[in-house]
Amino acid sequence: MSKRAQTVTGIIAVVISLLLAAYALGAFRIPVLITETDSSGNVYTGSLNYGEFVGPVKITFVDGSVWEGELKKGLLDGLGTFTSAEGWIYTGNFDEGELLDGG
């Protein structure tokens, strides 16, 4: 193998090692959609980060109501839309489960 090929191979190995280390430390993640059902029968679809759903998520509750929006620490957070089982719809902002506006 030529010296140039050895240098390129070494650089590629270092870059791959740095990317794997950054991924392992949580510097970036590859979003994968997961669907899970909790013990109450609610169905969550979204991305997991260290075992918790975060970011955009869809929750279909046992009663047929649906939340489509953000989650933070397992709570409704950010802008989202709640559709009740009866059909009424609310779109608004939440902060860690607390409603921020009147809709």
N, C-alpha and C. Protein backbone atom coordinates (compact mmCIF):
# COMPACT_ATOMS: atom_id res chain seq x y z
N MET A 1 0.86 -1.17 0.00
CA MET A 1 0.00 0.00 0.00
C MET A 1 0.90 1.23 0.00
N SER A 2 0.53 2.21 -0.82
CA SER A 2 1.34 3.43 -0.92
C SER A 2 1.19 4.26 0.35
N LYS A 3 2.13 5.17 0.54
CA LYS A 3 2.11 6.05 1.72
C LYS A 3 0.85 6.90 1.72
N ARG A 4 0.45 7.37 0.53
CA ARG A 4 -0.77 8.19 0.43
C ARG A 4 -2.00 7.37 0.85
N ALA A 5 -2.09 6.13 0.38
CA ALA A 5 -3.22 5.27 0.72
C ALA A 5 -3.25 4.99 2.23
N GLN A 6 -2.07 4.80 2.83
CA GLN A 6 -2.00 4.58 4.28
C GLN A 6 -2.47 5.82 5.03
N THR A 7 -2.11 7.01 4.55
CA THR A 7 -2.53 8.25 5.18
C THR A 7 -4.05 8.41 5.10
N VAL A 8 -4.61 8.17 3.92
CA VAL A 8 -6.07 8.29 3.74
C VAL A 8 -6.79 7.28 4.62
N THR A 9 -6.30 6.05 4.66
CA THR A 9 -6.91 5.02 5.50
C THR A 9 -6.85 5.42 6.97
N GLY A 10 -5.74 5.99 7.39
CA GLY A 10 -5.59 6.44 8.79
C GLY A 10 -6.56 7.56 9.11
N ILE A 11 -6.72 8.51 8.18
CA ILE A 11 -7.65 9.62 8.39
C ILE A 11 -9.08 9.11 8.50
N ILE A 12 -9.44 8.19 7.62
CA ILE A 12 -10.80 7.63 7.64
C ILE A 12 -11.04 6.91 8.97
N ALA A 13 -10.07 6.17 9.45
CA ALA A 13 -10.21 5.46 10.73
C ALA A 13 -10.40 6.44 11.89
N VAL A 14 -9.66 7.54 11.88
CA VAL A 14 -9.79 8.55 12.93
C VAL A 14 -11.17 9.20 12.88
N VAL A 15 -11.64 9.56 11.68
CA VAL A 15 -12.95 10.19 11.53
C VAL A 15 -14.06 9.26 12.02
N ILE A 16 -13.99 8.00 11.64
CA ILE A 16 -14.99 7.03 12.09
C ILE A 16 -14.96 6.89 13.61
N SER A 17 -13.79 6.84 14.18
CA SER A 17 -13.66 6.73 15.64
C SER A 17 -14.25 7.95 16.33
N LEU A 18 -14.01 9.14 15.81
CA LEU A 18 -14.56 10.36 16.39
C LEU A 18 -16.08 10.40 16.28
N LEU A 19 -16.62 9.98 15.14
CA LEU A 19 -18.07 9.95 14.96
C LEU A 19 -18.72 8.96 15.93
N LEU A 20 -18.13 7.79 16.08
CA LEU A 20 -18.67 6.80 17.01
C LEU A 20 -18.60 7.29 18.46
N ALA A 21 -17.53 7.96 18.82
CA ALA A 21 -17.41 8.51 20.17
C ALA A 21 -18.45 9.61 20.40
N ALA A 22 -18.64 10.48 19.42
CA ALA A 22 -19.63 11.56 19.54
C ALA A 22 -21.03 10.97 19.67
N TYR A 23 -21.33 9.95 18.90
CA TYR A 23 -22.65 9.30 18.97
C TYR A 23 -22.85 8.67 20.35
N ALA A 24 -21.84 7.99 20.84
CA ALA A 24 -21.93 7.34 22.15
C ALA A 24 -22.14 8.35 23.27
N LEU A 25 -21.60 9.55 23.12
CA LEU A 25 -21.74 10.59 24.13
C LEU A 25 -23.04 11.38 23.97
N GLY A 26 -23.82 11.06 22.95
CA GLY A 26 -25.10 11.73 22.75
C GLY A 26 -25.01 13.04 22.00
N ALA A 27 -23.89 13.29 21.31
CA ALA A 27 -23.74 14.54 20.57
C ALA A 27 -24.72 14.62 19.41
N PHE A 28 -25.11 13.50 18.89
CA PHE A 28 -26.14 13.46 17.86
C PHE A 28 -26.81 12.10 17.93
N ARG A 29 -27.99 12.04 17.38
CA ARG A 29 -28.68 10.76 17.37
C ARG A 29 -29.36 10.57 16.02
N ILE A 30 -29.56 9.35 15.69
CA ILE A 30 -30.25 9.01 14.45
C ILE A 30 -31.70 8.72 14.84
N PRO A 31 -32.64 9.60 14.41
CA PRO A 31 -34.02 9.38 14.83
C PRO A 31 -34.62 8.12 14.22
N VAL A 32 -35.21 7.33 15.07
CA VAL A 32 -35.88 6.12 14.65
C VAL A 32 -37.26 6.14 15.29
N LEU A 33 -38.31 5.98 14.48
CA LEU A 33 -39.65 5.98 15.03
C LEU A 33 -39.93 4.65 15.72
N ILE A 34 -40.41 4.76 16.95
CA ILE A 34 -40.71 3.61 17.78
C ILE A 34 -42.18 3.70 18.16
N THR A 35 -42.85 2.58 18.23
CA THR A 35 -44.22 2.55 18.74
C THR A 35 -44.23 1.66 19.97
N GLU A 36 -44.76 2.21 21.08
CA GLU A 36 -44.84 1.46 22.33
C GLU A 36 -46.20 1.69 22.96
N THR A 37 -46.67 0.72 23.69
CA THR A 37 -47.91 0.83 24.43
C THR A 37 -47.58 0.81 25.92
N ASP A 38 -48.10 1.82 26.67
CA ASP A 38 -47.82 1.85 28.10
C ASP A 38 -48.77 0.92 28.86
N SER A 39 -48.59 0.86 30.16
CA SER A 39 -49.37 -0.08 30.98
C SER A 39 -50.87 0.25 31.00
N SER A 40 -51.24 1.49 30.64
CA SER A 40 -52.65 1.88 30.59
C SER A 40 -53.28 1.60 29.23
N GLY A 41 -52.46 1.23 28.25
CA GLY A 41 -52.96 0.95 26.91
C GLY A 41 -52.83 2.10 25.94
N ASN A 42 -52.23 3.22 26.38
CA ASN A 42 -51.98 4.35 25.48
C ASN A 42 -50.83 3.99 24.54
N VAL A 43 -50.96 4.38 23.27
CA VAL A 43 -49.95 4.03 22.26
C VAL A 43 -49.15 5.27 21.88
N TYR A 44 -47.83 5.18 22.03
CA TYR A 44 -46.90 6.27 21.73
C TYR A 44 -46.14 5.94 20.46
N THR A 45 -46.03 6.91 19.55
CA THR A 45 -45.19 6.76 18.36
C THR A 45 -44.30 7.99 18.27
N GLY A 46 -43.00 7.76 18.25
CA GLY A 46 -42.05 8.87 18.18
C GLY A 46 -40.63 8.36 18.34
N SER A 47 -39.74 9.29 18.70
CA SER A 47 -38.33 8.96 18.89
C SER A 47 -38.01 8.86 20.37
N LEU A 48 -37.17 7.89 20.70
CA LEU A 48 -36.72 7.71 22.07
C LEU A 48 -35.34 8.32 22.26
N ASN A 49 -35.14 8.91 23.42
CA ASN A 49 -33.82 9.40 23.80
C ASN A 49 -33.59 8.93 25.23
N TYR A 50 -32.65 8.03 25.41
CA TYR A 50 -32.36 7.45 26.72
C TYR A 50 -33.64 6.89 27.36
N GLY A 51 -34.46 6.21 26.57
CA GLY A 51 -35.63 5.53 27.09
C GLY A 51 -36.89 6.37 27.24
N GLU A 52 -36.83 7.67 26.90
CA GLU A 52 -38.00 8.54 26.99
C GLU A 52 -38.36 9.07 25.62
N PHE A 53 -39.67 9.17 25.36
CA PHE A 53 -40.10 9.80 24.12
C PHE A 53 -39.85 11.29 24.21
N VAL A 54 -39.22 11.83 23.19
CA VAL A 54 -38.93 13.26 23.14
C VAL A 54 -39.19 13.78 21.73
N GLY A 55 -39.40 15.08 21.64
CA GLY A 55 -39.63 15.69 20.34
C GLY A 55 -41.02 15.36 19.84
N PRO A 56 -41.20 15.39 18.53
CA PRO A 56 -42.52 15.11 17.96
C PRO A 56 -42.99 13.70 18.30
N VAL A 57 -44.21 13.61 18.78
CA VAL A 57 -44.76 12.31 19.17
C VAL A 57 -46.26 12.31 18.91
N LYS A 58 -46.78 11.14 18.67
CA LYS A 58 -48.23 10.96 18.57
C LYS A 58 -48.62 9.98 19.67
N ILE A 59 -49.59 10.40 20.48
CA ILE A 59 -50.10 9.54 21.54
C ILE A 59 -51.57 9.28 21.24
N THR A 60 -51.93 8.02 21.12
CA THR A 60 -53.32 7.64 20.97
C THR A 60 -53.74 7.04 22.30
N PHE A 61 -54.63 7.76 23.00
CA PHE A 61 -55.07 7.34 24.32
C PHE A 61 -56.13 6.25 24.20
N VAL A 62 -56.31 5.48 25.27
CA VAL A 62 -57.24 4.37 25.28
C VAL A 62 -58.65 4.81 24.88
N ASP A 63 -59.05 6.03 25.28
CA ASP A 63 -60.41 6.50 24.97
C ASP A 63 -60.57 6.97 23.52
N GLY A 64 -59.48 6.95 22.74
CA GLY A 64 -59.54 7.37 21.34
C GLY A 64 -59.05 8.78 21.11
N SER A 65 -58.78 9.54 22.17
CA SER A 65 -58.21 10.88 22.02
C SER A 65 -56.78 10.76 21.50
N VAL A 66 -56.33 11.82 20.80
CA VAL A 66 -54.99 11.79 20.20
C VAL A 66 -54.27 13.10 20.49
N TRP A 67 -53.00 13.01 20.88
CA TRP A 67 -52.11 14.16 21.01
C TRP A 67 -51.04 14.03 19.93
N GLU A 68 -50.86 15.09 19.14
CA GLU A 68 -49.77 15.15 18.17
C GLU A 68 -49.00 16.42 18.43
N GLY A 69 -47.79 16.27 18.93
CA GLY A 69 -46.97 17.42 19.28
C GLY A 69 -45.70 16.98 19.97
N GLU A 70 -45.20 17.88 20.79
CA GLU A 70 -43.92 17.64 21.45
C GLU A 70 -44.12 17.08 22.86
N LEU A 71 -43.14 16.32 23.30
CA LEU A 71 -43.07 15.85 24.68
C LEU A 71 -41.74 16.26 25.28
N LYS A 72 -41.76 16.56 26.55
CA LYS A 72 -40.53 16.85 27.29
C LYS A 72 -40.71 16.27 28.69
N LYS A 73 -39.80 15.43 29.11
CA LYS A 73 -39.91 14.75 30.42
C LYS A 73 -41.23 14.02 30.56
N GLY A 74 -41.74 13.48 29.45
CA GLY A 74 -42.98 12.72 29.47
C GLY A 74 -44.24 13.56 29.52
N LEU A 75 -44.10 14.89 29.43
CA LEU A 75 -45.25 15.79 29.51
C LEU A 75 -45.46 16.52 28.19
N LEU A 76 -46.71 16.93 27.93
CA LEU A 76 -47.01 17.73 26.75
C LEU A 76 -46.17 19.00 26.83
N ASP A 77 -45.48 19.33 25.75
CA ASP A 77 -44.58 20.48 25.79
C ASP A 77 -44.42 21.04 24.39
N GLY A 78 -44.54 22.35 24.25
CA GLY A 78 -44.45 22.98 22.95
C GLY A 78 -45.80 23.02 22.26
N LEU A 79 -45.79 23.27 20.98
CA LEU A 79 -47.02 23.36 20.20
C LEU A 79 -47.51 21.97 19.85
N GLY A 80 -48.81 21.76 20.02
CA GLY A 80 -49.37 20.47 19.68
C GLY A 80 -50.87 20.57 19.48
N THR A 81 -51.43 19.49 18.97
CA THR A 81 -52.87 19.42 18.73
C THR A 81 -53.43 18.22 19.48
N PHE A 82 -54.49 18.48 20.26
CA PHE A 82 -55.20 17.43 20.98
C PHE A 82 -56.56 17.27 20.31
N THR A 83 -56.87 16.06 19.91
CA THR A 83 -58.18 15.75 19.32
C THR A 83 -58.88 14.80 20.28
N SER A 84 -60.02 15.23 20.80
CA SER A 84 -60.74 14.41 21.77
C SER A 84 -61.45 13.26 21.07
N ALA A 85 -61.83 12.28 21.86
CA ALA A 85 -62.58 11.14 21.33
C ALA A 85 -63.93 11.59 20.78
N GLU A 86 -64.44 12.70 21.31
CA GLU A 86 -65.73 13.24 20.85
C GLU A 86 -65.59 14.05 19.56
N GLY A 87 -64.33 14.38 19.20
CA GLY A 87 -64.11 15.08 17.94
C GLY A 87 -63.72 16.55 18.03
N TRP A 88 -63.77 17.16 19.23
CA TRP A 88 -63.32 18.54 19.31
C TRP A 88 -61.80 18.59 19.27
N ILE A 89 -61.27 19.69 18.75
CA ILE A 89 -59.83 19.82 18.51
C ILE A 89 -59.30 21.08 19.20
N TYR A 90 -58.17 20.93 19.85
CA TYR A 90 -57.49 22.07 20.47
C TYR A 90 -56.04 22.07 19.99
N THR A 91 -55.60 23.21 19.49
CA THR A 91 -54.18 23.40 19.14
C THR A 91 -53.66 24.54 20.00
N GLY A 92 -52.57 24.29 20.69
CA GLY A 92 -52.02 25.32 21.56
C GLY A 92 -50.63 24.97 22.06
N ASN A 93 -50.15 25.83 22.94
CA ASN A 93 -48.80 25.68 23.50
C ASN A 93 -48.87 25.19 24.94
N PHE A 94 -47.99 24.26 25.24
CA PHE A 94 -47.88 23.71 26.58
C PHE A 94 -46.43 23.86 27.05
N ASP A 95 -46.26 23.96 28.35
CA ASP A 95 -44.93 23.98 28.94
C ASP A 95 -44.91 22.93 30.05
N GLU A 96 -44.22 21.83 29.79
CA GLU A 96 -44.12 20.72 30.73
C GLU A 96 -45.48 20.35 31.33
N GLY A 97 -46.48 20.19 30.44
CA GLY A 97 -47.80 19.74 30.85
C GLY A 97 -48.80 20.84 31.17
N GLU A 98 -48.33 22.09 31.28
CA GLU A 98 -49.21 23.21 31.62
C GLU A 98 -49.60 23.97 30.35
N LEU A 99 -50.89 24.25 30.20
CA LEU A 99 -51.40 25.02 29.08
C LEU A 99 -50.91 26.46 29.18
N LEU A 100 -50.34 27.01 28.09
CA LEU A 100 -49.81 28.38 28.11
C LEU A 100 -50.77 29.41 27.54
N ASP A 101 -51.68 29.01 26.67
CA ASP A 101 -52.58 29.99 26.06
C ASP A 101 -53.98 29.43 25.97
N GLY A 102 -54.89 30.27 25.57
CA GLY A 102 -56.28 29.88 25.51
C GLY A 102 -56.70 29.23 24.23
N GLY A 103 -55.77 28.97 23.32
CA GLY A 103 -56.09 28.24 22.10
C GLY A 103 -56.45 29.03 20.96
